[in-house]
C-alpha atoms as a PDB file:
ATOM      1  CA  UNK A   1     -36.811  29.982  25.707  1.00  0.00           C
ATOM      2  CA  UNK A   2     -37.525  27.858  22.615  1.00  0.00           C
ATOM      3  CA  UNK A   3     -33.895  28.306  21.522  1.00  0.00           C
ATOM      4  CA  UNK A   4     -32.587  27.138  24.944  1.00  0.00           C
ATOM      5  CA  UNK A   5     -34.970  24.199  25.015  1.00  0.00           C
ATOM      6  CA  UNK A   6     -33.907  23.140  21.533  1.00  0.00           C
ATOM      7  CA  UNK A   7     -30.293  23.361  22.543  1.00  0.00           C
ATOM      8  CA  UNK A   8     -30.893  21.066  25.494  1.00  0.00           C
ATOM      9  CA  UNK A   9     -32.809  18.585  23.338  1.00  0.00           C
ATOM     10  CA  UNK A  10     -30.041  18.530  20.829  1.00  0.00           C
ATOM     11  CA  UNK A  11     -27.476  18.027  23.555  1.00  0.00           C
ATOM     12  CA  UNK A  12     -29.514  15.079  25.107  1.00  0.00           C
ATOM     13  CA  UNK A  13     -30.001  13.458  21.788  1.00  0.00           C
ATOM     14  CA  UNK A  14     -26.285  13.692  20.922  1.00  0.00           C
ATOM     15  CA  UNK A  15     -25.400  12.319  24.400  1.00  0.00           C
ATOM     16  CA  UNK A  16     -27.788   9.371  23.941  1.00  0.00           C
ATOM     17  CA  UNK A  17     -26.254   8.600  20.505  1.00  0.00           C
ATOM     18  CA  UNK A  18     -22.731   8.707  21.883  1.00  0.00           C
ATOM     19  CA  UNK A  19     -23.601   6.465  24.845  1.00  0.00           C
ATOM     20  CA  UNK A  20     -25.848   4.111  23.041  1.00  0.00           C
ATOM     21  CA  UNK A  21     -24.951   0.496  22.808  1.00  0.00           C
ATOM     22  CA  UNK A  22     -22.489  -0.408  20.028  1.00  0.00           C
ATOM     23  CA  UNK A  23     -23.645  -2.310  16.985  1.00  0.00           C
ATOM     24  CA  UNK A  24     -22.588  -5.865  16.391  1.00  0.00           C
ATOM     25  CA  UNK A  25     -20.186  -4.675  13.788  1.00  0.00           C
ATOM     26  CA  UNK A  26     -18.507  -2.245  16.199  1.00  0.00           C
ATOM     27  CA  UNK A  27     -18.169  -5.021  18.748  1.00  0.00           C
ATOM     28  CA  UNK A  28     -16.795  -7.536  16.351  1.00  0.00           C
ATOM     29  CA  UNK A  29     -14.280  -5.014  14.967  1.00  0.00           C
ATOM     30  CA  UNK A  30     -13.088  -4.194  18.555  1.00  0.00           C
ATOM     31  CA  UNK A  31     -12.767  -7.800  19.511  1.00  0.00           C
ATOM     32  CA  UNK A  32     -11.040  -8.916  16.365  1.00  0.00           C
ATOM     33  CA  UNK A  33      -8.433  -6.208  16.897  1.00  0.00           C
ATOM     34  CA  UNK A  34      -7.780  -7.606  20.363  1.00  0.00           C
ATOM     35  CA  UNK A  35      -7.959 -11.289  19.446  1.00  0.00           C
ATOM     36  CA  UNK A  36      -5.591 -10.842  16.497  1.00  0.00           C
ATOM     37  CA  UNK A  37      -2.836 -12.131  18.548  1.00  0.00           C
ATOM     38  CA  UNK A  38      -1.172 -15.573  18.642  1.00  0.00           C
ATOM     39  CA  UNK A  39      -1.171 -17.991  21.562  1.00  0.00           C
ATOM     40  CA  UNK A  40       2.369 -18.367  22.808  1.00  0.00           C
ATOM     41  CA  UNK A  41       4.643 -20.173  25.338  1.00  0.00           C
ATOM     42  CA  UNK A  42       6.089 -17.436  27.601  1.00  0.00           C
ATOM     43  CA  UNK A  43       9.449 -17.914  29.295  1.00  0.00           C
ATOM     44  CA  UNK A  44      11.113 -15.194  31.354  1.00  0.00           C
ATOM     45  CA  UNK A  45      14.396 -14.890  29.530  1.00  0.00           C
ATOM     46  CA  UNK A  46      15.977 -12.912  26.864  1.00  0.00           C
ATOM     47  CA  UNK A  47      18.313 -14.606  24.390  1.00  0.00           C
ATOM     48  CA  UNK A  48      21.110 -15.300  24.417  1.00  0.00           C
ATOM     49  CA  UNK A  49      20.642 -16.539  27.983  1.00  0.00           C
ATOM     50  CA  UNK A  50      23.261 -18.044  30.245  1.00  0.00           C
ATOM     51  CA  UNK A  51      22.216 -20.466  32.893  1.00  0.00           C
ATOM     52  CA  UNK A  52      24.780 -20.512  35.768  1.00  0.00           C
ATOM     53  CA  UNK A  53      24.760 -23.700  37.787  1.00  0.00           C
ATOM     54  CA  UNK A  54      27.319 -22.585  40.420  1.00  0.00           C
ATOM     55  CA  UNK A  55      26.068 -19.038  41.229  1.00  0.00           C
ATOM     56  CA  UNK A  56      22.256 -19.030  41.426  1.00  0.00           C
ATOM     57  CA  UNK A  57      20.695 -15.642  42.252  1.00  0.00           C
ATOM     58  CA  UNK A  58      19.945 -15.444  46.026  1.00  0.00           C
ATOM     59  CA  UNK A  59      16.496 -14.036  45.373  1.00  0.00           C
ATOM     60  CA  UNK A  60      15.236 -16.799  43.017  1.00  0.00           C
ATOM     61  CA  UNK A  61      13.920 -20.101  44.397  1.00  0.00           C
ATOM     62  CA  UNK A  62      15.721 -23.232  43.112  1.00  0.00           C
ATOM     63  CA  UNK A  63      12.448 -24.779  41.835  1.00  0.00           C
ATOM     64  CA  UNK A  64      11.834 -21.741  39.614  1.00  0.00           C
ATOM     65  CA  UNK A  65      15.376 -22.030  38.142  1.00  0.00           C
ATOM     66  CA  UNK A  66      14.965 -25.870  37.546  1.00  0.00           C
ATOM     67  CA  UNK A  67      11.634 -25.317  35.860  1.00  0.00           C
ATOM     68  CA  UNK A  68      13.150 -22.598  33.592  1.00  0.00           C
ATOM     69  CA  UNK A  69      15.997 -24.939  32.536  1.00  0.00           C
ATOM     70  CA  UNK A  70      13.579 -27.768  31.887  1.00  0.00           C
ATOM     71  CA  UNK A  71      11.480 -25.423  29.700  1.00  0.00           C
ATOM     72  CA  UNK A  72      14.626 -24.273  27.804  1.00  0.00           C
ATOM     73  CA  UNK A  73      15.709 -27.892  27.302  1.00  0.00           C
ATOM     74  CA  UNK A  74      12.260 -28.797  26.021  1.00  0.00           C
ATOM     75  CA  UNK A  75      12.366 -25.853  23.546  1.00  0.00           C
ATOM     76  CA  UNK A  76      15.710 -27.054  22.425  1.00  0.00           C
ATOM     77  CA  UNK A  77      14.315 -30.646  21.916  1.00  0.00           C
ATOM     78  CA  UNK A  78      11.850 -29.291  19.321  1.00  0.00           C
ATOM     79  CA  UNK A  79      14.491 -27.185  17.611  1.00  0.00           C
ATOM     80  CA  UNK A  80      13.460 -23.664  18.783  1.00  0.00           C
ATOM     81  CA  UNK A  81      16.582 -22.982  20.835  1.00  0.00           C
ATOM     82  CA  UNK A  82      20.131 -24.304  20.897  1.00  0.00           C
ATOM     83  CA  UNK A  83      22.460 -24.776  23.839  1.00  0.00           C
ATOM     84  CA  UNK A  84      26.154 -24.994  24.556  1.00  0.00           C
ATOM     85  CA  UNK A  85      27.707 -25.949  27.890  1.00  0.00           C
ATOM     86  CA  UNK A  86      31.148 -25.902  29.562  1.00  0.00           C
ATOM     87  CA  UNK A  87      30.044 -27.938  32.561  1.00  0.00           C
ATOM     88  CA  UNK A  88      29.521 -24.919  34.895  1.00  0.00           C
ATOM     89  CA  UNK A  89      27.040 -22.972  32.748  1.00  0.00           C
ATOM     90  CA  UNK A  90      24.798 -23.390  29.674  1.00  0.00           C
ATOM     91  CA  UNK A  91      24.157 -20.745  27.110  1.00  0.00           C
ATOM     92  CA  UNK A  92      20.851 -20.882  25.195  1.00  0.00           C
ATOM     93  CA  UNK A  93      20.044 -19.029  22.041  1.00  0.00           C
ATOM     94  CA  UNK A  94      17.206 -19.017  19.475  1.00  0.00           C
ATOM     95  CA  UNK A  95      17.720 -21.114  16.370  1.00  0.00           C
ATOM     96  CA  UNK A  96      16.808 -19.864  12.872  1.00  0.00           C
ATOM     97  CA  UNK A  97      13.590 -21.770  13.143  1.00  0.00           C
ATOM     98  CA  UNK A  98      12.888 -20.339  16.496  1.00  0.00           C
ATOM     99  CA  UNK A  99      13.192 -16.852  15.187  1.00  0.00           C
ATOM    100  CA  UNK A 100      10.297 -17.440  12.852  1.00  0.00           C
ATOM    101  CA  UNK A 101       7.924 -18.012  15.834  1.00  0.00           C
ATOM    102  CA  UNK A 102       9.449 -15.982  18.724  1.00  0.00           C
ATOM    103  CA  UNK A 103       8.256 -12.599  19.962  1.00  0.00           C
ATOM    104  CA  UNK A 104      10.216 -10.492  22.414  1.00  0.00           C
ATOM    105  CA  UNK A 105       8.224  -7.586  23.887  1.00  0.00           C
ATOM    106  CA  UNK A 106      10.289  -4.406  24.004  1.00  0.00           C
ATOM    107  CA  UNK A 107       9.755  -3.585  27.698  1.00  0.00           C
ATOM    108  CA  UNK A 108       9.571  -7.040  29.243  1.00  0.00           C
ATOM    109  CA  UNK A 109      12.311  -9.589  30.135  1.00  0.00           C
ATOM    110  CA  UNK A 110      10.454 -12.416  28.438  1.00  0.00           C
ATOM    111  CA  UNK A 111      10.394 -14.356  25.155  1.00  0.00           C
ATOM    112  CA  UNK A 112       7.269 -15.898  23.653  1.00  0.00           C
ATOM    113  CA  UNK A 113       7.188 -18.852  21.210  1.00  0.00           C
ATOM    114  CA  UNK A 114       3.892 -18.689  19.393  1.00  0.00           C
ATOM    115  CA  UNK A 115       2.087 -21.869  18.278  1.00  0.00           C
ATOM    116  CA  UNK A 116      -1.567 -21.159  17.513  1.00  0.00           C
ATOM    117  CA  UNK A 117      -4.101 -18.428  16.543  1.00  0.00           C
ATOM    118  CA  UNK A 118      -7.234 -17.095  18.303  1.00  0.00           C
ATOM    119  CA  UNK A 119     -10.326 -16.855  16.276  1.00  0.00           C
ATOM    120  CA  UNK A 120     -13.547 -15.039  17.229  1.00  0.00           C
ATOM    121  CA  UNK A 121     -16.684 -17.136  16.615  1.00  0.00           C
ATOM    122  CA  UNK A 122     -19.495 -14.878  17.758  1.00  0.00           C
ATOM    123  CA  UNK A 123     -20.561 -12.186  20.069  1.00  0.00           C
ATOM    124  CA  UNK A 124     -23.093 -13.572  22.588  1.00  0.00           C
ATOM    125  CA  UNK A 125     -24.077 -10.479  24.519  1.00  0.00           C
ATOM    126  CA  UNK A 126     -23.393  -6.811  25.094  1.00  0.00           C
ATOM    127  CA  UNK A 127     -24.370  -5.787  28.592  1.00  0.00           C
ATOM    128  CA  UNK A 128     -23.822  -3.426  31.478  1.00  0.00           C
ATOM    129  CA  UNK A 129     -21.221  -4.695  33.976  1.00  0.00           C
ATOM    130  CA  UNK A 130     -22.240  -6.409  37.132  1.00  0.00           C
ATOM    131  CA  UNK A 131     -21.115  -4.782  40.360  1.00  0.00           C
ATOM    132  CA  UNK A 132     -18.704  -7.629  41.208  1.00  0.00           C
ATOM    133  CA  UNK A 133     -17.041  -7.208  37.735  1.00  0.00           C
ATOM    134  CA  UNK A 134     -16.085  -3.624  38.499  1.00  0.00           C
ATOM    135  CA  UNK A 135     -13.699  -4.137  41.401  1.00  0.00           C
ATOM    136  CA  UNK A 136     -10.548  -3.804  39.377  1.00  0.00           C
ATOM    137  CA  UNK A 137     -11.744  -0.770  37.400  1.00  0.00           C
ATOM    138  CA  UNK A 138     -12.906   1.627  40.102  1.00  0.00           C
ATOM    139  CA  UNK A 139     -15.451   4.168  38.951  1.00  0.00           C
ATOM    140  CA  UNK A 140     -16.476   3.031  35.422  1.00  0.00           C
ATOM    141  CA  UNK A 141     -16.987   5.374  32.528  1.00  0.00           C
ATOM    142  CA  UNK A 142     -20.661   5.870  31.578  1.00  0.00           C
ATOM    143  CA  UNK A 143     -20.166   4.230  28.230  1.00  0.00           C
ATOM    144  CA  UNK A 144     -18.620   1.001  29.610  1.00  0.00           C
ATOM    145  CA  UNK A 145     -20.074  -2.248  28.409  1.00  0.00           C
ATOM    146  CA  UNK A 146     -19.071  -5.872  28.891  1.00  0.00           C
ATOM    147  CA  UNK A 147     -19.005  -8.234  25.967  1.00  0.00           C
ATOM    148  CA  UNK A 148     -19.551 -11.967  26.379  1.00  0.00           C
ATOM    149  CA  UNK A 149     -18.301 -13.906  23.312  1.00  0.00           C
ATOM    150  CA  UNK A 150     -17.151 -17.340  22.042  1.00  0.00           C
ATOM    151  CA  UNK A 151     -13.686 -18.035  20.525  1.00  0.00           C
ATOM    152  CA  UNK A 152     -11.389 -20.924  19.544  1.00  0.00           C
ATOM    153  CA  UNK A 153      -7.837 -21.759  18.893  1.00  0.00           C
ATOM    154  CA  UNK A 154      -6.723 -22.711  15.330  1.00  0.00           C
ATOM    155  CA  UNK A 155      -3.690 -23.689  13.285  1.00  0.00           C
ATOM    156  CA  UNK A 156      -1.548 -25.260  15.969  1.00  0.00           C
ATOM    157  CA  UNK A 157       2.146 -25.682  15.022  1.00  0.00           C
ATOM    158  CA  UNK A 158       3.334 -29.301  14.717  1.00  0.00           C
ATOM    159  CA  UNK A 159       6.054 -28.755  17.310  1.00  0.00           C
ATOM    160  CA  UNK A 160       3.521 -27.618  19.971  1.00  0.00           C
ATOM    161  CA  UNK A 161       2.247 -31.190  20.329  1.00  0.00           C
ATOM    162  CA  UNK A 162       5.512 -32.601  21.561  1.00  0.00           C
ATOM    163  CA  UNK A 163       4.994 -34.324  24.878  1.00  0.00           C
ATOM    164  CA  UNK A 164       8.007 -32.758  26.473  1.00  0.00           C
ATOM    165  CA  UNK A 165       6.582 -29.221  25.860  1.00  0.00           C
ATOM    166  CA  UNK A 166       3.100 -30.244  26.866  1.00  0.00           C
ATOM    167  CA  UNK A 167       4.367 -31.585  30.180  1.00  0.00           C
ATOM    168  CA  UNK A 168       6.287 -28.331  30.976  1.00  0.00           C
ATOM    169  CA  UNK A 169       3.809 -25.687  29.846  1.00  0.00           C
ATOM    170  CA  UNK A 170       0.455 -25.872  31.479  1.00  0.00           C
ATOM    171  CA  UNK A 171      -0.990 -23.304  29.183  1.00  0.00           C
ATOM    172  CA  UNK A 172      -0.107 -25.338  26.132  1.00  0.00           C
ATOM    173  CA  UNK A 173      -1.609 -28.544  27.688  1.00  0.00           C
ATOM    174  CA  UNK A 174      -4.863 -26.675  28.395  1.00  0.00           C
ATOM    175  CA  UNK A 175      -5.035 -25.172  24.898  1.00  0.00           C
ATOM    176  CA  UNK A 176      -4.485 -28.536  23.216  1.00  0.00           C
ATOM    177  CA  UNK A 177      -7.043 -30.141  25.456  1.00  0.00           C
ATOM    178  CA  UNK A 178      -9.693 -27.550  24.853  1.00  0.00           C
ATOM    179  CA  UNK A 179      -9.049 -27.596  21.090  1.00  0.00           C
ATOM    180  CA  UNK A 180      -9.343 -31.370  21.015  1.00  0.00           C
ATOM    181  CA  UNK A 181     -12.685 -31.168  22.877  1.00  0.00           C
ATOM    182  CA  UNK A 182     -13.978 -29.098  19.942  1.00  0.00           C
ATOM    183  CA  UNK A 183     -16.084 -26.767  22.244  1.00  0.00           C
ATOM    184  CA  UNK A 184     -16.012 -23.001  21.794  1.00  0.00           C
ATOM    185  CA  UNK A 185     -14.189 -21.124  24.540  1.00  0.00           C
ATOM    186  CA  UNK A 186     -16.015 -18.377  26.562  1.00  0.00           C
ATOM    187  CA  UNK A 187     -14.537 -14.886  26.926  1.00  0.00           C
ATOM    188  CA  UNK A 188     -15.581 -11.574  28.490  1.00  0.00           C
ATOM    189  CA  UNK A 189     -13.993  -8.203  27.921  1.00  0.00           C
ATOM    190  CA  UNK A 190     -14.818  -4.631  28.935  1.00  0.00           C
ATOM    191  CA  UNK A 191     -15.163  -2.052  26.186  1.00  0.00           C
ATOM    192  CA  UNK A 192     -15.750   1.712  26.248  1.00  0.00           C
ATOM    193  CA  UNK A 193     -16.586   4.421  23.708  1.00  0.00           C
ATOM    194  CA  UNK A 194     -13.640   6.608  22.761  1.00  0.00           C
ATOM    195  CA  UNK A 195     -13.339   9.298  20.087  1.00  0.00           C
ATOM    196  CA  UNK A 196     -11.916   6.621  17.796  1.00  0.00           C
ATOM    197  CA  UNK A 197     -14.901   4.302  18.415  1.00  0.00           C
ATOM    198  CA  UNK A 198     -15.447   1.349  20.713  1.00  0.00           C
ATOM    199  CA  UNK A 199     -12.229   0.071  22.147  1.00  0.00           C
ATOM    200  CA  UNK A 200     -11.071  -2.280  24.947  1.00  0.00           C
ATOM    201  CA  UNK A 201     -10.960  -0.499  28.242  1.00  0.00           C
ATOM    202  CA  UNK A 202      -7.513   0.761  29.133  1.00  0.00           C
ATOM    203  CA  UNK A 203      -5.537  -1.761  31.203  1.00  0.00           C
ATOM    204  CA  UNK A 204      -7.768  -4.673  30.096  1.00  0.00           C
ATOM    205  CA  UNK A 205      -5.426  -6.313  27.590  1.00  0.00           C
ATOM    206  CA  UNK A 206      -6.923  -9.431  26.154  1.00  0.00           C
ATOM    207  CA  UNK A 207      -3.774 -11.426  27.007  1.00  0.00           C
ATOM    208  CA  UNK A 208      -4.263 -10.790  30.659  1.00  0.00           C
ATOM    209  CA  UNK A 209      -8.049 -10.707  30.873  1.00  0.00           C
ATOM    210  CA  UNK A 210      -8.500 -14.042  29.084  1.00  0.00           C
ATOM    211  CA  UNK A 211      -5.317 -15.735  30.303  1.00  0.00           C
ATOM    212  CA  UNK A 212      -3.784 -15.686  26.959  1.00  0.00           C
ATOM    213  CA  UNK A 213      -0.206 -15.369  28.327  1.00  0.00           C
END
């Protein structure tokens, strides 16, 4: 009996340790790993990209095509892409300068031109999730915690402040406005305990959860 009781106590103690709240160091390590990404302008093309004026895809609204071409022309104005036209079509490609700031995810038809860096300021609170926060996750793992934190954007590229880009890309306009205000930004991310330590919950990429894209 004593042996069985001791085994149960050992199990409960180990369970409590495994599911205990993470330390501030654990949290900051997990967040810094997720925030160690640049802020970028995303455009849904892969280069080289040919813009056909006479044969637009039947499934794509004209306003989307027009906005894409305006975005490409603005990127060209600041020297990130180049263009050549024959009157009926225009081919865009990344310049040498553009290659130093562009990212092309392997499995997505999109190119990202990165202009600033996210920086974690501090962890505000580690808490259990509210019921309304769990709608997209279904049944949460027992070790799930939500982290509220403050962050900011730093080291903006000079080209990112060009008015033509700012007028085309709403995300860039918002980032510059918030950086100019000098107030820390508010973020919330779900984390869970894994065999490798505390990690962001699967499917909760920071770029989507915080609107980084």
